[in-house]
């Protein structure tokens, strides 16, 4: 029996953690994580508190990446009514002023 599709909010939270919105692909997720790694890698910091914060951030980014690799493609194929080419319909209403320019402008 195939595993059930995760809740839409879990997909959206993982995308937002990587700075992405629907209709992103798994390739977009990998690229976003790669770029965020350049900024947040623990080896860039010497102060123990900042190094610990960077370590936790990297764990979160890695979890989001793994989750999206496991579920994003299936979600995009089965839940197309939840997003449009301009972006996700419900998850980004708080960014309404940004959407006037378009999500990728």
N, C-alpha and C. Protein backbone atom coordinates (compact mmCIF):
# COMPACT_ATOMS: atom_id res chain seq x y z
N UNK A 1 0.84 -1.18 0.00
CA UNK A 1 0.00 0.00 0.00
C UNK A 1 0.89 1.24 0.00
N UNK A 2 0.66 2.21 -0.91
CA UNK A 2 1.50 3.40 -0.95
C UNK A 2 1.30 4.27 0.28
N UNK A 3 2.36 4.95 0.65
CA UNK A 3 2.26 5.83 1.83
C UNK A 3 1.36 7.02 1.50
N UNK A 4 0.60 7.49 2.50
CA UNK A 4 -0.29 8.62 2.24
C UNK A 4 0.51 9.90 1.99
N UNK A 5 -0.07 10.77 1.23
CA UNK A 5 0.55 12.06 0.93
C UNK A 5 0.58 12.90 2.20
N UNK A 6 1.71 13.53 2.52
CA UNK A 6 1.76 14.35 3.74
C UNK A 6 0.83 15.55 3.62
N UNK A 7 0.52 16.13 4.75
CA UNK A 7 -0.35 17.29 4.77
C UNK A 7 0.27 18.43 3.96
N UNK A 8 -0.59 19.17 3.28
CA UNK A 8 -0.15 20.30 2.46
C UNK A 8 0.71 21.26 3.26
N UNK A 9 0.34 21.51 4.51
CA UNK A 9 1.08 22.48 5.33
C UNK A 9 2.51 22.00 5.59
N UNK A 10 2.73 20.70 5.68
CA UNK A 10 4.09 20.18 5.89
C UNK A 10 4.95 20.45 4.66
N UNK A 11 4.38 20.28 3.48
CA UNK A 11 5.10 20.59 2.24
C UNK A 11 5.42 22.07 2.18
N UNK A 12 4.44 22.89 2.47
CA UNK A 12 4.61 24.34 2.41
C UNK A 12 5.65 24.80 3.43
N UNK A 13 5.60 24.25 4.65
CA UNK A 13 6.59 24.63 5.67
C UNK A 13 8.01 24.27 5.24
N UNK A 14 8.17 23.09 4.65
CA UNK A 14 9.51 22.69 4.18
C UNK A 14 9.98 23.60 3.05
N UNK A 15 9.08 23.95 2.14
CA UNK A 15 9.45 24.86 1.06
C UNK A 15 9.85 26.23 1.61
N UNK A 16 9.05 26.76 2.51
CA UNK A 16 9.34 28.07 3.08
C UNK A 16 10.65 28.07 3.86
N UNK A 17 10.96 26.95 4.50
CA UNK A 17 12.21 26.86 5.24
C UNK A 17 13.41 27.02 4.30
N UNK A 18 13.24 26.58 3.06
CA UNK A 18 14.30 26.74 2.06
C UNK A 18 14.14 28.01 1.23
N UNK A 19 13.14 28.83 1.59
CA UNK A 19 12.92 30.08 0.87
C UNK A 19 12.22 29.88 -0.46
N UNK A 20 11.45 28.82 -0.60
CA UNK A 20 10.79 28.50 -1.87
C UNK A 20 9.27 28.52 -1.70
N UNK A 21 8.60 28.55 -2.82
CA UNK A 21 7.14 28.48 -2.88
C UNK A 21 6.77 27.53 -4.01
N UNK A 22 5.55 27.03 -3.97
CA UNK A 22 5.06 26.24 -5.09
C UNK A 22 4.95 27.13 -6.30
N UNK A 23 5.19 26.72 -7.48
CA UNK A 23 5.48 25.37 -7.95
C UNK A 23 6.97 25.06 -8.05
N UNK A 24 7.65 24.93 -6.96
CA UNK A 24 9.06 24.56 -6.96
C UNK A 24 9.21 23.07 -7.22
N UNK A 25 10.37 22.71 -7.71
CA UNK A 25 10.68 21.30 -7.97
C UNK A 25 11.72 20.83 -6.96
N UNK A 26 12.00 19.53 -6.97
CA UNK A 26 13.03 19.02 -6.08
C UNK A 26 14.40 19.60 -6.45
N UNK A 27 14.62 19.87 -7.72
CA UNK A 27 15.88 20.51 -8.14
C UNK A 27 16.01 21.90 -7.53
N UNK A 28 14.90 22.65 -7.49
CA UNK A 28 14.91 23.96 -6.84
C UNK A 28 15.26 23.81 -5.36
N UNK A 29 14.72 22.78 -4.73
CA UNK A 29 15.00 22.54 -3.31
C UNK A 29 16.46 22.22 -3.06
N UNK A 30 17.05 21.42 -3.93
CA UNK A 30 18.47 21.09 -3.78
C UNK A 30 19.34 22.33 -3.97
N UNK A 31 19.00 23.13 -4.97
CA UNK A 31 19.78 24.35 -5.23
C UNK A 31 19.63 25.35 -4.07
N UNK A 32 18.42 25.51 -3.56
CA UNK A 32 18.19 26.44 -2.45
C UNK A 32 18.96 25.99 -1.21
N UNK A 33 18.94 24.71 -0.93
CA UNK A 33 19.68 24.20 0.23
C UNK A 33 21.18 24.41 0.04
N UNK A 34 21.67 24.20 -1.17
CA UNK A 34 23.10 24.41 -1.45
C UNK A 34 23.48 25.88 -1.19
N UNK A 35 22.63 26.81 -1.64
CA UNK A 35 22.92 28.23 -1.43
C UNK A 35 22.85 28.60 0.05
N UNK A 36 21.86 28.07 0.77
CA UNK A 36 21.74 28.36 2.20
C UNK A 36 22.89 27.74 2.99
N UNK A 37 23.40 26.62 2.53
CA UNK A 37 24.54 25.98 3.20
C UNK A 37 25.77 26.88 3.16
N UNK A 38 25.93 27.61 2.08
CA UNK A 38 27.07 28.52 1.98
C UNK A 38 27.03 29.59 3.07
N UNK A 39 25.83 29.98 3.47
CA UNK A 39 25.68 31.02 4.50
C UNK A 39 25.66 30.48 5.91
N UNK A 40 25.12 29.28 6.10
CA UNK A 40 24.85 28.79 7.45
C UNK A 40 25.70 27.61 7.89
N UNK A 41 26.70 27.23 7.13
CA UNK A 41 27.51 26.08 7.52
C UNK A 41 28.26 26.37 8.83
N UNK A 42 28.23 25.45 9.77
CA UNK A 42 28.87 25.69 11.08
C UNK A 42 30.37 25.98 11.00
N UNK A 43 31.05 25.49 9.98
CA UNK A 43 32.48 25.73 9.87
C UNK A 43 32.81 27.20 9.59
N UNK A 44 31.82 28.00 9.23
CA UNK A 44 32.06 29.42 8.98
C UNK A 44 32.13 30.24 10.27
N UNK A 45 31.77 29.65 11.40
CA UNK A 45 31.65 30.40 12.65
C UNK A 45 32.64 29.88 13.68
N UNK A 46 33.19 30.81 14.47
CA UNK A 46 34.14 30.43 15.52
C UNK A 46 33.53 30.57 16.90
N UNK A 47 32.62 31.51 17.07
CA UNK A 47 31.98 31.71 18.37
C UNK A 47 31.08 30.51 18.65
N UNK A 48 31.23 29.85 19.80
CA UNK A 48 30.48 28.62 20.07
C UNK A 48 28.95 28.78 19.96
N UNK A 49 28.41 29.88 20.42
CA UNK A 49 26.96 30.09 20.34
C UNK A 49 26.46 30.18 18.90
N UNK A 50 27.20 30.90 18.08
CA UNK A 50 26.82 31.03 16.67
C UNK A 50 27.03 29.72 15.92
N UNK A 51 28.09 29.00 16.29
CA UNK A 51 28.35 27.70 15.67
C UNK A 51 27.22 26.73 15.99
N UNK A 52 26.73 26.74 17.25
CA UNK A 52 25.63 25.88 17.65
C UNK A 52 24.35 26.24 16.90
N UNK A 53 24.08 27.54 16.77
CA UNK A 53 22.91 28.00 16.03
C UNK A 53 22.99 27.58 14.56
N UNK A 54 24.17 27.70 13.97
CA UNK A 54 24.36 27.28 12.58
C UNK A 54 24.17 25.77 12.44
N UNK A 55 24.62 25.01 13.43
CA UNK A 55 24.44 23.56 13.40
C UNK A 55 22.96 23.20 13.41
N UNK A 56 22.18 23.86 14.27
CA UNK A 56 20.74 23.61 14.33
C UNK A 56 20.05 24.03 13.03
N UNK A 57 20.48 25.15 12.47
CA UNK A 57 19.91 25.62 11.21
C UNK A 57 20.19 24.61 10.09
N UNK A 58 21.41 24.08 10.05
CA UNK A 58 21.75 23.10 9.02
C UNK A 58 20.94 21.82 9.19
N UNK A 59 20.70 21.41 10.45
CA UNK A 59 19.86 20.23 10.67
C UNK A 59 18.46 20.46 10.12
N UNK A 60 17.90 21.66 10.36
CA UNK A 60 16.57 21.99 9.85
C UNK A 60 16.55 22.02 8.32
N UNK A 61 17.58 22.60 7.73
CA UNK A 61 17.65 22.65 6.27
C UNK A 61 17.77 21.25 5.67
N UNK A 62 18.55 20.40 6.30
CA UNK A 62 18.71 19.03 5.81
C UNK A 62 17.41 18.24 5.94
N UNK A 63 16.69 18.44 7.07
CA UNK A 63 15.40 17.77 7.24
C UNK A 63 14.41 18.22 6.18
N UNK A 64 14.37 19.53 5.91
CA UNK A 64 13.46 20.06 4.90
C UNK A 64 13.81 19.50 3.52
N UNK A 65 15.08 19.45 3.21
CA UNK A 65 15.51 18.90 1.91
C UNK A 65 15.11 17.44 1.77
N UNK A 66 15.37 16.63 2.79
CA UNK A 66 15.02 15.22 2.73
C UNK A 66 13.51 15.02 2.60
N UNK A 67 12.74 15.80 3.33
CA UNK A 67 11.29 15.70 3.27
C UNK A 67 10.79 16.03 1.86
N UNK A 68 11.34 17.09 1.28
CA UNK A 68 10.91 17.48 -0.07
C UNK A 68 11.36 16.45 -1.11
N UNK A 69 12.54 15.89 -0.95
CA UNK A 69 12.98 14.85 -1.88
C UNK A 69 12.05 13.64 -1.84
N UNK A 70 11.54 13.34 -0.66
CA UNK A 70 10.65 12.20 -0.52
C UNK A 70 9.23 12.46 -1.03
N UNK A 71 8.75 13.71 -0.91
CA UNK A 71 7.32 13.95 -1.11
C UNK A 71 6.94 15.00 -2.15
N UNK A 72 7.82 15.90 -2.54
CA UNK A 72 7.41 17.03 -3.36
C UNK A 72 6.91 16.64 -4.74
N UNK A 73 7.61 15.76 -5.42
CA UNK A 73 7.20 15.39 -6.78
C UNK A 73 5.81 14.76 -6.79
N UNK A 74 5.57 13.85 -5.85
CA UNK A 74 4.25 13.22 -5.77
C UNK A 74 3.17 14.26 -5.44
N UNK A 75 3.49 15.18 -4.54
CA UNK A 75 2.54 16.24 -4.18
C UNK A 75 2.19 17.10 -5.39
N UNK A 76 3.20 17.47 -6.17
CA UNK A 76 2.96 18.32 -7.34
C UNK A 76 2.10 17.60 -8.37
N UNK A 77 2.24 16.30 -8.48
CA UNK A 77 1.47 15.54 -9.46
C UNK A 77 0.03 15.30 -9.02
N UNK A 78 -0.18 15.10 -7.72
CA UNK A 78 -1.51 14.73 -7.24
C UNK A 78 -2.32 15.89 -6.69
N UNK A 79 -1.68 17.01 -6.37
CA UNK A 79 -2.40 18.11 -5.73
C UNK A 79 -2.27 19.40 -6.54
N UNK A 80 -2.46 19.31 -7.84
CA UNK A 80 -2.24 20.48 -8.68
C UNK A 80 -3.25 21.59 -8.42
N UNK A 81 -4.40 21.27 -7.83
CA UNK A 81 -5.39 22.31 -7.56
C UNK A 81 -4.97 23.23 -6.41
N UNK A 82 -3.90 22.92 -5.69
CA UNK A 82 -3.46 23.75 -4.58
C UNK A 82 -2.46 24.81 -4.97
N UNK A 83 -2.04 24.86 -6.22
CA UNK A 83 -1.09 25.88 -6.63
C UNK A 83 -1.32 26.25 -8.08
N UNK A 84 -0.82 27.41 -8.45
CA UNK A 84 -0.91 27.88 -9.82
C UNK A 84 0.50 28.19 -10.29
N UNK A 85 0.67 28.59 -11.52
CA UNK A 85 2.00 28.93 -12.02
C UNK A 85 2.58 30.17 -11.33
N UNK A 86 1.73 31.04 -10.78
CA UNK A 86 2.24 32.22 -10.08
C UNK A 86 2.64 31.90 -8.65
N UNK A 87 2.25 30.76 -8.15
CA UNK A 87 2.63 30.40 -6.79
C UNK A 87 1.52 29.70 -6.06
N UNK A 88 1.78 29.38 -4.80
CA UNK A 88 0.79 28.66 -4.03
C UNK A 88 -0.37 29.59 -3.68
N UNK A 89 -1.56 29.05 -3.67
CA UNK A 89 -2.76 29.85 -3.53
C UNK A 89 -2.96 30.32 -2.10
N UNK A 90 -2.86 29.43 -1.14
CA UNK A 90 -3.23 29.77 0.22
C UNK A 90 -2.06 30.03 1.15
N UNK A 91 -0.91 29.47 0.88
CA UNK A 91 0.15 29.51 1.88
C UNK A 91 0.82 30.88 1.98
N UNK A 92 0.78 31.67 0.95
CA UNK A 92 1.58 32.89 0.93
C UNK A 92 0.74 34.15 0.99
N UNK A 93 -0.44 34.09 1.57
CA UNK A 93 -1.27 35.28 1.63
C UNK A 93 -0.62 36.37 2.46
N UNK A 94 0.25 35.99 3.39
CA UNK A 94 0.94 37.00 4.19
C UNK A 94 1.94 37.80 3.36
N UNK A 95 2.28 37.28 2.18
CA UNK A 95 3.22 37.97 1.30
C UNK A 95 2.50 38.66 0.15
N UNK A 96 1.26 39.08 0.36
CA UNK A 96 0.44 39.63 -0.72
C UNK A 96 1.11 40.82 -1.40
N UNK A 97 1.80 41.66 -0.64
CA UNK A 97 2.45 42.82 -1.26
C UNK A 97 3.60 42.40 -2.18
N UNK A 98 4.26 41.30 -1.88
CA UNK A 98 5.34 40.81 -2.72
C UNK A 98 4.78 40.17 -3.99
N UNK A 99 3.63 39.51 -3.88
CA UNK A 99 3.07 38.80 -5.02
C UNK A 99 2.67 39.73 -6.14
N UNK A 100 2.52 41.02 -5.88
CA UNK A 100 2.19 41.94 -6.96
C UNK A 100 3.29 41.93 -8.00
N UNK A 101 4.52 41.71 -7.60
CA UNK A 101 5.63 41.62 -8.54
C UNK A 101 5.72 40.25 -9.16
N UNK A 102 5.15 39.25 -8.53
CA UNK A 102 5.28 37.88 -9.00
C UNK A 102 6.31 37.17 -8.15
N UNK A 103 6.13 35.86 -7.91
CA UNK A 103 7.00 35.16 -6.99
C UNK A 103 8.45 35.03 -7.46
N UNK A 104 8.70 35.11 -8.74
CA UNK A 104 10.06 34.92 -9.24
C UNK A 104 10.64 36.17 -9.87
N UNK A 105 9.99 37.32 -9.70
CA UNK A 105 10.51 38.56 -10.27
C UNK A 105 11.62 39.13 -9.42
